[in-house]
């Protein structure tokens, strides 16, 4: 599967109406820039929240059922939960 283990649990426990936020990692950033991929995300009821070119990814918000259907169509490398991150300063 292309879902991280934590995200797989989140998808299983989410209701079909609520949207979840994920990071979709692609083999190359030009894949993220593809209008076809963007159209598929929007047609699935999703929103593109951020472009993350340094990690060849898009931050996307969409319903969990639509995420599962979308993954094979957009050929992602991996899908991760979008979590809040902060730097560790010593």
Protein backbone atom coordinates (compact mmCIF):
# COMPACT_ATOMS: atom_id res chain seq x y z
CA UNK A 1 0.00 0.00 0.00
CA UNK A 2 1.06 3.57 -0.54
CA UNK A 3 -0.47 4.84 2.71
CA UNK A 4 1.74 5.28 5.75
CA UNK A 5 0.64 3.03 8.65
CA UNK A 6 -0.55 6.00 10.73
CA UNK A 7 -2.57 7.38 7.83
CA UNK A 8 -4.14 3.98 7.13
CA UNK A 9 -5.52 3.97 10.69
CA UNK A 10 -6.79 7.53 10.30
CA UNK A 11 -8.53 6.68 7.01
CA UNK A 12 -10.23 3.64 8.54
CA UNK A 13 -11.53 5.62 11.53
CA UNK A 14 -12.67 8.72 9.60
CA UNK A 15 -16.23 9.25 8.47
CA UNK A 16 -16.78 9.52 4.73
CA UNK A 17 -17.97 13.15 5.07
CA UNK A 18 -14.98 14.59 6.94
CA UNK A 19 -11.92 15.66 4.99
CA UNK A 20 -8.45 14.59 6.04
CA UNK A 21 -5.21 16.42 5.33
CA UNK A 22 -2.43 14.47 3.66
CA UNK A 23 0.92 14.95 1.97
CA UNK A 24 1.03 13.25 -1.42
CA UNK A 25 4.63 12.50 -2.43
CA UNK A 26 5.36 12.09 -6.15
CA UNK A 27 8.39 10.65 -7.98
CA UNK A 28 9.19 14.13 -9.34
CA UNK A 29 7.83 17.61 -8.65
CA UNK A 30 6.79 18.04 -12.28
CA UNK A 31 4.21 15.32 -11.55
CA UNK A 32 2.69 17.65 -8.93
CA UNK A 33 2.53 20.44 -11.48
CA UNK A 34 0.54 18.28 -13.91
CA UNK A 35 -2.86 19.79 -14.69
CA UNK A 36 -4.29 16.26 -15.01
CA UNK A 37 -3.31 15.41 -11.43
CA UNK A 38 -4.68 18.71 -10.15
CA UNK A 39 -7.97 18.11 -11.98
CA UNK A 40 -8.28 14.60 -10.51
CA UNK A 41 -7.73 15.97 -6.99
CA UNK A 42 -10.37 18.67 -7.47
CA UNK A 43 -12.86 16.23 -9.06
CA UNK A 44 -12.41 13.96 -6.03
CA UNK A 45 -13.66 16.79 -3.82
CA UNK A 46 -10.18 17.74 -2.68
CA UNK A 47 -8.36 21.01 -2.19
CA UNK A 48 -4.67 21.62 -2.82
CA UNK A 49 -3.49 23.37 0.33
CA UNK A 50 0.26 23.77 -0.39
CA UNK A 51 2.86 22.91 -2.98
CA UNK A 52 5.99 21.41 -1.43
CA UNK A 53 8.62 21.40 -4.20
CA UNK A 54 11.56 20.46 -1.94
CA UNK A 55 9.98 17.09 -1.23
CA UNK A 56 8.13 16.58 -4.55
CA UNK A 57 4.79 16.78 -2.78
CA UNK A 58 1.40 18.41 -2.50
CA UNK A 59 -0.50 19.01 0.73
CA UNK A 60 -4.08 18.03 -0.02
CA UNK A 61 -7.36 17.94 1.91
CA UNK A 62 -10.01 15.45 0.77
CA UNK A 63 -12.53 12.84 1.95
CA UNK A 64 -10.92 9.48 2.92
CA UNK A 65 -12.99 7.39 0.48
CA UNK A 66 -11.93 9.63 -2.38
CA UNK A 67 -8.29 9.47 -1.27
CA UNK A 68 -8.30 5.68 -1.62
CA UNK A 69 -9.77 5.91 -5.14
CA UNK A 70 -7.38 8.71 -6.14
CA UNK A 71 -4.07 7.07 -5.16
CA UNK A 72 -3.80 4.67 -8.14
CA UNK A 73 -4.96 7.34 -10.60
CA UNK A 74 -2.32 9.92 -9.68
CA UNK A 75 0.56 7.44 -9.22
CA UNK A 76 1.90 8.76 -5.93
CA UNK A 77 5.04 7.38 -4.33
CA UNK A 78 3.62 7.64 -0.79
CA UNK A 79 0.84 9.37 1.13
CA UNK A 80 1.54 10.68 4.62
CA UNK A 81 -0.65 12.36 7.23
CA UNK A 82 -0.20 16.14 7.25
CA UNK A 83 0.96 16.85 10.78
CA UNK A 84 2.16 19.98 12.51
CA UNK A 85 5.95 20.04 12.69
CA UNK A 86 8.22 22.37 14.58
CA UNK A 87 12.01 22.66 14.75
CA UNK A 88 13.99 21.29 17.67
CA UNK A 89 16.33 23.96 18.95
CA UNK A 90 19.01 22.94 21.43
